[in-house]
Amino acid sequence: MHPDSSASVARHRPRQLDYNVCWIYRTPNQDALGMEPCTGEVDGNLRSLPGDASFACDLEIGALMPEEAWRGEQLIQQVLKQA
Protein backbone atom coordinates (compact mmCIF):
# COMPACT_ATOMS: atom_id res chain seq x y z
CA MET A 1 0.00 0.00 0.00
CA HIS A 2 1.19 3.49 -0.82
CA PRO A 3 0.98 6.46 1.60
CA ASP A 4 -2.19 7.67 -0.17
CA SER A 5 -3.81 4.21 0.40
CA SER A 6 -3.59 3.24 -3.26
CA ALA A 7 -1.59 0.14 -4.17
CA SER A 8 0.35 -1.49 -6.96
CA VAL A 9 -0.78 -4.94 -8.00
CA ALA A 10 0.73 -7.86 -9.91
CA ARG A 11 -1.43 -10.94 -10.40
CA HIS A 12 -0.47 -14.22 -12.04
CA ARG A 13 -1.62 -17.82 -12.34
CA PRO A 14 0.47 -20.01 -9.98
CA ARG A 15 0.10 -23.03 -12.29
CA GLN A 16 1.95 -21.02 -14.97
CA LEU A 17 4.51 -19.27 -12.78
CA ASP A 18 5.01 -21.37 -9.67
CA TYR A 19 7.84 -19.41 -8.02
CA ASN A 20 8.47 -15.84 -6.91
CA VAL A 21 11.76 -14.02 -6.85
CA CYS A 22 12.43 -11.12 -4.52
CA TRP A 23 15.05 -8.52 -5.43
CA ILE A 24 16.55 -5.51 -3.72
CA TYR A 25 18.18 -2.54 -5.46
CA ARG A 26 20.14 -0.05 -3.39
CA THR A 27 22.15 2.99 -4.37
CA PRO A 28 23.28 5.94 -2.26
CA ASN A 29 20.06 7.82 -3.06
CA GLN A 30 17.53 5.11 -4.02
CA ASP A 31 16.13 1.94 -2.47
CA ALA A 32 13.77 -0.45 -4.23
CA LEU A 33 12.31 -3.84 -3.41
CA GLY A 34 10.49 -6.01 -5.92
CA MET A 35 8.79 -9.37 -6.05
CA GLU A 36 8.05 -11.06 -9.36
CA PRO A 37 6.46 -14.34 -10.39
CA CYS A 38 8.84 -16.58 -12.31
CA THR A 39 9.42 -20.10 -13.63
CA GLY A 40 12.27 -21.14 -11.33
CA GLU A 41 14.34 -20.44 -8.27
CA VAL A 42 17.31 -18.07 -8.25
CA ASP A 43 19.76 -20.91 -7.53
CA GLY A 44 18.35 -23.35 -10.11
CA ASN A 45 15.33 -25.59 -10.61
CA LEU A 46 14.57 -23.77 -13.86
CA ARG A 47 11.99 -24.79 -16.45
CA SER A 48 13.66 -25.90 -19.70
CA LEU A 49 12.23 -25.65 -23.20
CA PRO A 50 13.53 -27.04 -26.49
CA GLY A 51 15.04 -24.46 -28.85
CA ASP A 52 11.90 -24.07 -30.97
CA ALA A 53 9.40 -24.09 -28.08
CA SER A 54 7.59 -21.14 -26.55
CA PHE A 55 6.13 -20.31 -23.16
CA ALA A 56 3.18 -18.05 -22.44
CA CYS A 57 1.73 -16.79 -19.18
CA ASP A 58 -0.94 -14.39 -17.99
CA LEU A 59 0.08 -11.34 -15.95
CA GLU A 60 -2.08 -8.49 -14.71
CA ILE A 61 -0.08 -5.49 -13.52
CA GLY A 62 -1.52 -2.16 -12.51
CA ALA A 63 -2.60 0.27 -9.85
CA LEU A 64 -5.51 0.11 -7.41
CA MET A 65 -7.42 3.07 -6.07
CA PRO A 66 -7.74 3.15 -2.23
CA GLU A 67 -11.10 1.31 -2.05
CA GLU A 68 -9.88 -1.43 -4.41
CA ALA A 69 -6.62 -1.68 -2.46
CA TRP A 70 -8.54 -2.11 0.80
CA ARG A 71 -10.65 -4.93 -0.70
CA GLY A 72 -7.50 -6.59 -1.99
CA GLU A 73 -5.90 -6.37 1.45
CA GLN A 74 -8.97 -7.98 3.03
CA LEU A 75 -8.83 -10.84 0.52
CA ILE A 76 -5.13 -11.42 1.23
CA GLN A 77 -5.81 -11.51 4.98
CA GLN A 78 -8.58 -14.11 4.47
CA VAL A 79 -6.28 -16.31 2.39
CA LEU A 80 -3.50 -16.06 4.98
CA LYS A 81 -5.90 -17.08 7.78
CA GLN A 82 -6.88 -20.21 5.83
CA ALA A 83 -3.26 -21.23 5.17
PDB file of N, CA and C in Angstrom:
ATOM      1  N   MET A   1       0.847  -1.170   0.000  1.00  0.00           N
ATOM      2  CA  MET A   1       0.000   0.000   0.000  1.00  0.00           C
ATOM      3  C   MET A   1       0.898   1.240   0.000  1.00  0.00           C
ATOM      4  N   HIS A   2       0.465   2.232  -0.728  1.00  0.00           N
ATOM      5  CA  HIS A   2       1.192   3.487  -0.816  1.00  0.00           C
ATOM      6  C   HIS A   2       0.665   4.452   0.263  1.00  0.00           C
ATOM      7  N   PRO A   3       1.420   5.513   0.563  1.00  0.00           N
ATOM      8  CA  PRO A   3       0.977   6.457   1.603  1.00  0.00           C
ATOM      9  C   PRO A   3      -0.426   7.033   1.362  1.00  0.00           C
ATOM     10  N   ASP A   4      -0.850   7.140   0.102  1.00  0.00           N
ATOM     11  CA  ASP A   4      -2.190   7.670  -0.172  1.00  0.00           C
ATOM     12  C   ASP A   4      -3.272   6.587  -0.160  1.00  0.00           C
ATOM     13  N   SER A   5      -2.932   5.382   0.295  1.00  0.00           N
ATOM     14  CA  SER A   5      -3.814   4.213   0.396  1.00  0.00           C
ATOM     15  C   SER A   5      -4.117   3.544  -0.939  1.00  0.00           C
ATOM     16  N   SER A   6      -3.501   3.985  -2.016  1.00  0.00           N
ATOM     17  CA  SER A   6      -3.594   3.240  -3.265  1.00  0.00           C
ATOM     18  C   SER A   6      -2.577   2.097  -3.182  1.00  0.00           C
ATOM     19  N   ALA A   7      -2.535   1.250  -4.196  1.00  0.00           N
ATOM     20  CA  ALA A   7      -1.588   0.138  -4.166  1.00  0.00           C
ATOM     21  C   ALA A   7      -1.211  -0.273  -5.583  1.00  0.00           C
ATOM     22  N   SER A   8      -0.058  -0.863  -5.712  1.00  0.00           N
ATOM     23  CA  SER A   8       0.351  -1.488  -6.963  1.00  0.00           C
ATOM     24  C   SER A   8      -0.032  -2.955  -6.872  1.00  0.00           C
ATOM     25  N   VAL A   9      -0.349  -3.554  -8.011  1.00  0.00           N
ATOM     26  CA  VAL A   9      -0.776  -4.938  -7.997  1.00  0.00           C
ATOM     27  C   VAL A   9      -0.129  -5.697  -9.149  1.00  0.00           C
ATOM     28  N   ALA A  10       0.242  -6.937  -8.883  1.00  0.00           N
ATOM     29  CA  ALA A  10       0.731  -7.861  -9.913  1.00  0.00           C
ATOM     30  C   ALA A  10       0.070  -9.204  -9.628  1.00  0.00           C
ATOM     31  N   ARG A  11      -0.728  -9.666 -10.564  1.00  0.00           N
ATOM     32  CA  ARG A  11      -1.426 -10.944 -10.403  1.00  0.00           C
ATOM     33  C   ARG A  11      -0.943 -11.906 -11.471  1.00  0.00           C
ATOM     34  N   HIS A  12      -0.875 -13.181 -11.094  1.00  0.00           N
ATOM     35  CA  HIS A  12      -0.472 -14.220 -12.039  1.00  0.00           C
ATOM     36  C   HIS A  12      -1.166 -15.525 -11.687  1.00  0.00           C
ATOM     37  N   ARG A  13      -1.052 -16.486 -12.566  1.00  0.00           N
ATOM     38  CA  ARG A  13      -1.619 -17.816 -12.338  1.00  0.00           C
ATOM     39  C   ARG A  13      -0.502 -18.729 -11.812  1.00  0.00           C
ATOM     40  N   PRO A  14      -0.600 -19.186 -10.561  1.00  0.00           N
ATOM     41  CA  PRO A  14       0.465 -20.010  -9.983  1.00  0.00           C
ATOM     42  C   PRO A  14       0.766 -21.280 -10.776  1.00  0.00           C
ATOM     43  N   ARG A  15      -0.201 -21.827 -11.494  1.00  0.00           N
ATOM     44  CA  ARG A  15       0.099 -23.032 -12.289  1.00  0.00           C
ATOM     45  C   ARG A  15       1.000 -22.702 -13.479  1.00  0.00           C
ATOM     46  N   GLN A  16       1.060 -21.431 -13.881  1.00  0.00           N
ATOM     47  CA  GLN A  16       1.947 -21.021 -14.973  1.00  0.00           C
ATOM     48  C   GLN A  16       3.309 -20.565 -14.449  1.00  0.00           C
ATOM     49  N   LEU A  17       3.293 -19.806 -13.388  1.00  0.00           N
ATOM     50  CA  LEU A  17       4.511 -19.271 -12.780  1.00  0.00           C
ATOM     51  C   LEU A  17       4.492 -19.680 -11.309  1.00  0.00           C
ATOM     52  N   ASP A  18       5.165 -20.768 -10.997  1.00  0.00           N
ATOM     53  CA  ASP A  18       5.010 -21.372  -9.672  1.00  0.00           C
ATOM     54  C   ASP A  18       6.067 -20.952  -8.653  1.00  0.00           C
ATOM     55  N   TYR A  19       6.859 -19.950  -8.963  1.00  0.00           N
ATOM     56  CA  TYR A  19       7.838 -19.414  -8.021  1.00  0.00           C
ATOM     57  C   TYR A  19       7.730 -17.896  -7.997  1.00  0.00           C
ATOM     58  N   ASN A  20       8.327 -17.296  -6.988  1.00  0.00           N
ATOM     59  CA  ASN A  20       8.467 -15.839  -6.909  1.00  0.00           C
ATOM     60  C   ASN A  20       9.915 -15.529  -6.594  1.00  0.00           C
ATOM     61  N   VAL A  21      10.417 -14.475  -7.178  1.00  0.00           N
ATOM     62  CA  VAL A  21      11.765 -14.021  -6.852  1.00  0.00           C
ATOM     63  C   VAL A  21      11.645 -12.628  -6.238  1.00  0.00           C
ATOM     64  N   CYS A  22      12.406 -12.409  -5.198  1.00  0.00           N
ATOM     65  CA  CYS A  22      12.431 -11.121  -4.525  1.00  0.00           C
ATOM     66  C   CYS A  22      13.787 -10.483  -4.807  1.00  0.00           C
ATOM     67  N   TRP A  23      13.796  -9.204  -5.149  1.00  0.00           N
ATOM     68  CA  TRP A  23      15.048  -8.522  -5.427  1.00  0.00           C
ATOM     69  C   TRP A  23      15.099  -7.188  -4.692  1.00  0.00           C
ATOM     70  N   ILE A  24      16.319  -6.775  -4.406  1.00  0.00           N
ATOM     71  CA  ILE A  24      16.555  -5.507  -3.719  1.00  0.00           C
ATOM     72  C   ILE A  24      17.571  -4.712  -4.531  1.00  0.00           C
ATOM     73  N   TYR A  25      17.294  -3.437  -4.724  1.00  0.00           N
ATOM     74  CA  TYR A  25      18.177  -2.542  -5.461  1.00  0.00           C
ATOM     75  C   TYR A  25      18.483  -1.356  -4.550  1.00  0.00           C
ATOM     76  N   ARG A  26      19.763  -1.148  -4.278  1.00  0.00           N
ATOM     77  CA  ARG A  26      20.141  -0.049  -3.388  1.00  0.00           C
ATOM     78  C   ARG A  26      21.266   0.758  -4.004  1.00  0.00           C
ATOM     79  N   THR A  27      21.099   2.059  -3.976  1.00  0.00           N
ATOM     80  CA  THR A  27      22.154   2.989  -4.371  1.00  0.00           C
ATOM     81  C   THR A  27      22.238   4.041  -3.270  1.00  0.00           C
ATOM     82  N   PRO A  28      23.203   4.928  -3.315  1.00  0.00           N
ATOM     83  CA  PRO A  28      23.285   5.945  -2.260  1.00  0.00           C
ATOM     84  C   PRO A  28      22.017   6.789  -2.100  1.00  0.00           C
ATOM     85  N   ASN A  29      21.244   6.958  -3.187  1.00  0.00           N
ATOM     86  CA  ASN A  29      20.056   7.818  -3.063  1.00  0.00           C
ATOM     87  C   ASN A  29      18.744   7.130  -3.447  1.00  0.00           C
ATOM     88  N   GLN A  30      18.759   5.824  -3.672  1.00  0.00           N
ATOM     89  CA  GLN A  30      17.527   5.106  -4.017  1.00  0.00           C
ATOM     90  C   GLN A  30      17.516   3.721  -3.380  1.00  0.00           C
ATOM     91  N   ASP A  31      16.343   3.296  -2.962  1.00  0.00           N
ATOM     92  CA  ASP A  31      16.131   1.941  -2.474  1.00  0.00           C
ATOM     93  C   ASP A  31      14.888   1.403  -3.158  1.00  0.00           C
ATOM     94  N   ALA A  32      14.937   0.171  -3.605  1.00  0.00           N
ATOM     95  CA  ALA A  32      13.767  -0.453  -4.227  1.00  0.00           C
ATOM     96  C   ALA A  32      13.724  -1.922  -3.843  1.00  0.00           C
ATOM     97  N   LEU A  33      12.525  -2.440  -3.714  1.00  0.00           N
ATOM     98  CA  LEU A  33      12.306  -3.842  -3.410  1.00  0.00           C
ATOM     99  C   LEU A  33      11.250  -4.331  -4.384  1.00  0.00           C
ATOM    100  N   GLY A  34      11.464  -5.475  -4.972  1.00  0.00           N
ATOM    101  CA  GLY A  34      10.488  -6.009  -5.917  1.00  0.00           C
ATOM    102  C   GLY A  34      10.264  -7.489  -5.695  1.00  0.00           C
ATOM    103  N   MET A  35       9.119  -7.955  -6.099  1.00  0.00           N
ATOM    104  CA  MET A  35       8.792  -9.373  -6.050  1.00  0.00           C
ATOM    105  C   MET A  35       8.107  -9.708  -7.363  1.00  0.00           C
ATOM    106  N   GLU A  36       8.583 -10.720  -8.054  1.00  0.00           N
ATOM    107  CA  GLU A  36       8.052 -11.055  -9.359  1.00  0.00           C
ATOM    108  C   GLU A  36       7.784 -12.556  -9.461  1.00  0.00           C
ATOM    109  N   PRO A  37       6.689 -12.921 -10.108  1.00  0.00           N
ATOM    110  CA  PRO A  37       6.459 -14.341 -10.385  1.00  0.00           C
ATOM    111  C   PRO A  37       7.453 -14.814 -11.442  1.00  0.00           C
ATOM    112  N   CYS A  38       7.863 -16.067 -11.355  1.00  0.00           N
ATOM    113  CA  CYS A  38       8.840 -16.582 -12.308  1.00  0.00           C
ATOM    114  C   CYS A  38       8.702 -18.101 -12.457  1.00  0.00           C
ATOM    115  N   THR A  39       9.503 -18.669 -13.337  1.00  0.00           N
ATOM    116  CA  THR A  39       9.420 -20.100 -13.630  1.00  0.00           C
ATOM    117  C   THR A  39      10.429 -20.946 -12.858  1.00  0.00           C
ATOM    118  N   GLY A  40      11.277 -20.347 -12.057  1.00  0.00           N
ATOM    119  CA  GLY A  40      12.266 -21.135 -11.328  1.00  0.00           C
ATOM    120  C   GLY A  40      12.876 -20.354 -10.182  1.00  0.00           C
ATOM    121  N   GLU A  41      13.678 -21.052  -9.411  1.00  0.00           N
ATOM    122  CA  GLU A  41      14.337 -20.441  -8.266  1.00  0.00           C
ATOM    123  C   GLU A  41      15.633 -19.763  -8.702  1.00  0.00           C
ATOM    124  N   VAL A  42      16.099 -18.805  -7.917  1.00  0.00           N
ATOM    125  CA  VAL A  42      17.313 -18.068  -8.246  1.00  0.00           C
ATOM    126  C   VAL A  42      18.509 -19.002  -8.382  1.00  0.00           C
ATOM    127  N   ASP A  43      18.598 -20.020  -7.520  1.00  0.00           N
ATOM    128  CA  ASP A  43      19.756 -20.908  -7.530  1.00  0.00           C
ATOM    129  C   ASP A  43      19.537 -22.168  -8.373  1.00  0.00           C
ATOM    130  N   GLY A  44      18.557 -22.181  -9.243  1.00  0.00           N
ATOM    131  CA  GLY A  44      18.351 -23.346 -10.107  1.00  0.00           C
ATOM    132  C   GLY A  44      16.899 -23.753 -10.187  1.00  0.00           C
ATOM    133  N   ASN A  45      16.675 -25.028 -10.471  1.00  0.00           N
ATOM    134  CA  ASN A  45      15.335 -25.587 -10.612  1.00  0.00           C
ATOM    135  C   ASN A  45      14.537 -24.819 -11.666  1.00  0.00           C
ATOM    136  N   LEU A  46      15.181 -24.544 -12.794  1.00  0.00           N
ATOM    137  CA  LEU A  46      14.567 -23.766 -13.864  1.00  0.00           C
ATOM    138  C   LEU A  46      13.783 -24.653 -14.818  1.00  0.00           C
ATOM    139  N   ARG A  47      12.768 -24.106 -15.418  1.00  0.00           N
ATOM    140  CA  ARG A  47      11.993 -24.792 -16.445  1.00  0.00           C
ATOM    141  C   ARG A  47      12.782 -24.726 -17.748  1.00  0.00           C
ATOM    142  N   SER A  48      12.922 -25.857 -18.434  1.00  0.00           N
ATOM    143  CA  SER A  48      13.661 -25.902 -19.695  1.00  0.00           C
ATOM    144  C   SER A  48      12.703 -26.119 -20.856  1.00  0.00           C
ATOM    145  N   LEU A  49      13.011 -25.499 -21.979  1.00  0.00           N
ATOM    146  CA  LEU A  49      12.233 -25.650 -23.199  1.00  0.00           C
ATOM    147  C   LEU A  49      13.172 -25.992 -24.349  1.00  0.00           C
ATOM    148  N   PRO A  50      12.715 -26.809 -25.289  1.00  0.00           N
ATOM    149  CA  PRO A  50      13.526 -27.040 -26.488  1.00  0.00           C
ATOM    150  C   PRO A  50      13.721 -25.729 -27.255  1.00  0.00           C
ATOM    151  N   GLY A  51      14.700 -25.678 -28.138  1.00  0.00           N
ATOM    152  CA  GLY A  51      15.035 -24.457 -28.849  1.00  0.00           C
ATOM    153  C   GLY A  51      13.902 -23.830 -29.635  1.00  0.00           C
ATOM    154  N   ASP A  52      12.977 -24.627 -30.160  1.00  0.00           N
ATOM    155  CA  ASP A  52      11.897 -24.066 -30.973  1.00  0.00           C
ATOM    156  C   ASP A  52      10.582 -23.931 -30.204  1.00  0.00           C
ATOM    157  N   ALA A  53      10.616 -24.147 -28.899  1.00  0.00           N
ATOM    158  CA  ALA A  53       9.403 -24.088 -28.078  1.00  0.00           C
ATOM    159  C   ALA A  53       9.136 -22.668 -27.606  1.00  0.00           C
ATOM    160  N   SER A  54       7.946 -22.438 -27.120  1.00  0.00           N
ATOM    161  CA  SER A  54       7.594 -21.136 -26.551  1.00  0.00           C
ATOM    162  C   SER A  54       6.866 -21.346 -25.228  1.00  0.00           C
ATOM    163  N   PHE A  55       6.810 -20.289 -24.454  1.00  0.00           N
ATOM    164  CA  PHE A  55       6.130 -20.311 -23.164  1.00  0.00           C
ATOM    165  C   PHE A  55       5.280 -19.057 -23.072  1.00  0.00           C
ATOM    166  N   ALA A  56       4.064 -19.198 -22.616  1.00  0.00           N
ATOM    167  CA  ALA A  56       3.180 -18.047 -22.444  1.00  0.00           C
ATOM    168  C   ALA A  56       2.592 -18.070 -21.041  1.00  0.00           C
ATOM    169  N   CYS A  57       2.347 -16.887 -20.495  1.00  0.00           N
ATOM    170  CA  CYS A  57       1.726 -16.788 -19.182  1.00  0.00           C
ATOM    171  C   CYS A  57       0.852 -15.546 -19.139  1.00  0.00           C
ATOM    172  N   ASP A  58      -0.037 -15.514 -18.177  1.00  0.00           N
ATOM    173  CA  ASP A  58      -0.936 -14.387 -17.991  1.00  0.00           C
ATOM    174  C   ASP A  58      -0.492 -13.560 -16.798  1.00  0.00           C
ATOM    175  N   LEU A  59      -0.262 -12.271 -17.023  1.00  0.00           N
ATOM    176  CA  LEU A  59       0.085 -11.337 -15.953  1.00  0.00           C
ATOM    177  C   LEU A  59      -0.885 -10.173 -15.997  1.00  0.00           C
ATOM    178  N   GLU A  60      -1.270  -9.705 -14.819  1.00  0.00           N
ATOM    179  CA  GLU A  60      -2.083  -8.493 -14.712  1.00  0.00           C
ATOM    180  C   GLU A  60      -1.325  -7.561 -13.782  1.00  0.00           C
ATOM    181  N   ILE A  61      -0.889  -6.433 -14.290  1.00  0.00           N
ATOM    182  CA  ILE A  61      -0.084  -5.492 -13.519  1.00  0.00           C
ATOM    183  C   ILE A  61      -0.737  -4.119 -13.605  1.00  0.00           C
ATOM    184  N   GLY A  62      -0.878  -3.463 -12.475  1.00  0.00           N
ATOM    185  CA  GLY A  62      -1.519  -2.156 -12.515  1.00  0.00           C
ATOM    186  C   GLY A  62      -1.543  -1.474 -11.172  1.00  0.00           C
ATOM    187  N   ALA A  63      -2.450  -0.522 -11.059  1.00  0.00           N
ATOM    188  CA  ALA A  63      -2.599   0.274  -9.848  1.00  0.00           C
ATOM    189  C   ALA A  63      -4.033   0.161  -9.353  1.00  0.00           C
ATOM    190  N   LEU A  64      -4.195   0.178  -8.039  1.00  0.00           N
ATOM    191  CA  LEU A  64      -5.511   0.112  -7.414  1.00  0.00           C
ATOM    192  C   LEU A  64      -5.789   1.409  -6.668  1.00  0.00           C
ATOM    193  N   MET A  65      -6.981   1.912  -6.834  1.00  0.00           N
ATOM    194  CA  MET A  65      -7.424   3.075  -6.067  1.00  0.00           C
ATOM    195  C   MET A  65      -7.620   2.618  -4.610  1.00  0.00           C
ATOM    196  N   PRO A  66      -7.680   3.537  -3.643  1.00  0.00           N
ATOM    197  CA  PRO A  66      -7.740   3.153  -2.233  1.00  0.00           C
ATOM    198  C   PRO A  66      -8.823   2.125  -1.889  1.00  0.00           C
ATOM    199  N   GLU A  67     -10.044   2.266  -2.390  1.00  0.00           N
ATOM    200  CA  GLU A  67     -11.099   1.310  -2.047  1.00  0.00           C
ATOM    201  C   GLU A  67     -10.779  -0.078  -2.599  1.00  0.00           C
ATOM    202  N   GLU A  68     -10.263  -0.140  -3.827  1.00  0.00           N
ATOM    203  CA  GLU A  68      -9.881  -1.426  -4.408  1.00  0.00           C
ATOM    204  C   GLU A  68      -8.715  -2.038  -3.632  1.00  0.00           C
ATOM    205  N   ALA A  69      -7.774  -1.202  -3.220  1.00  0.00           N
ATOM    206  CA  ALA A  69      -6.620  -1.683  -2.458  1.00  0.00           C
ATOM    207  C   ALA A  69      -7.073  -2.263  -1.116  1.00  0.00           C
ATOM    208  N   TRP A  70      -8.030  -1.617  -0.482  1.00  0.00           N
ATOM    209  CA  TRP A  70      -8.536  -2.110   0.804  1.00  0.00           C
ATOM    210  C   TRP A  70      -9.196  -3.478   0.608  1.00  0.00           C
ATOM    211  N   ARG A  71     -10.010  -3.632  -0.438  1.00  0.00           N
ATOM    212  CA  ARG A  71     -10.653  -4.931  -0.702  1.00  0.00           C
ATOM    213  C   ARG A  71      -9.605  -6.010  -0.980  1.00  0.00           C
ATOM    214  N   GLY A  72      -8.573  -5.645  -1.723  1.00  0.00           N
ATOM    215  CA  GLY A  72      -7.498  -6.592  -1.987  1.00  0.00           C
ATOM    216  C   GLY A  72      -6.783  -7.012  -0.717  1.00  0.00           C
ATOM    217  N   GLU A  73      -6.540  -6.063   0.163  1.00  0.00           N
ATOM    218  CA  GLU A  73      -5.896  -6.365   1.451  1.00  0.00           C
ATOM    219  C   GLU A  73      -6.761  -7.313   2.274  1.00  0.00           C
ATOM    220  N   GLN A  74      -8.064  -7.103   2.285  1.00  0.00           N
ATOM    221  CA  GLN A  74      -8.974  -7.982   3.026  1.00  0.00           C
ATOM    222  C   GLN A  74      -8.929  -9.397   2.465  1.00  0.00           C
ATOM    223  N   LEU A  75      -8.898  -9.529   1.152  1.00  0.00           N
ATOM    224  CA  LEU A  75      -8.826 -10.840   0.516  1.00  0.00           C
ATOM    225  C   LEU A  75      -7.520 -11.546   0.876  1.00  0.00           C
ATOM    226  N   ILE A  76      -6.419 -10.837   0.855  1.00  0.00           N
ATOM    227  CA  ILE A  76      -5.130 -11.421   1.228  1.00  0.00           C
ATOM    228  C   ILE A  76      -5.163 -11.902   2.667  1.00  0.00           C
ATOM    229  N   GLN A  77      -5.726 -11.110   3.569  1.00  0.00           N
ATOM    230  CA  GLN A  77      -5.805 -11.507   4.975  1.00  0.00           C
ATOM    231  C   GLN A  77      -6.648 -12.773   5.147  1.00  0.00           C
ATOM    232  N   GLN A  78      -7.751 -12.907   4.408  1.00  0.00           N
ATOM    233  CA  GLN A  78      -8.579 -14.105   4.468  1.00  0.00           C
ATOM    234  C   GLN A  78      -7.806 -15.330   4.011  1.00  0.00           C
ATOM    235  N   VAL A  79      -7.077 -15.192   2.913  1.00  0.00           N
ATOM    236  CA  VAL A  79      -6.285 -16.315   2.387  1.00  0.00           C
ATOM    237  C   VAL A  79      -5.220 -16.717   3.395  1.00  0.00           C
ATOM    238  N   LEU A  80      -4.549 -15.758   4.002  1.00  0.00           N
ATOM    239  CA  LEU A  80      -3.505 -16.063   4.981  1.00  0.00           C
ATOM    240  C   LEU A  80      -4.081 -16.775   6.209  1.00  0.00           C
ATOM    241  N   LYS A  81      -5.274 -16.423   6.631  1.00  0.00           N
ATOM    242  CA  LYS A  81      -5.895 -17.082   7.784  1.00  0.00           C
ATOM    243  C   LYS A  81      -6.219 -18.545   7.480  1.00  0.00           C
ATOM    244  N   GLN A  82      -6.534 -18.846   6.216  1.00  0.00           N
ATOM    245  CA  GLN A  82      -6.881 -20.211   5.832  1.00  0.00           C
ATOM    246  C   GLN A  82      -5.642 -21.080   5.614  1.00  0.00           C
ATOM    247  N   ALA A  83      -4.487 -20.472   5.451  1.00  0.00           N
ATOM    248  CA  ALA A  83      -3.260 -21.226   5.173  1.00  0.00           C
ATOM    249  C   ALA A  83      -2.749 -21.954   6.388  1.00  0.00           C
TER     250      ALA A  83
END
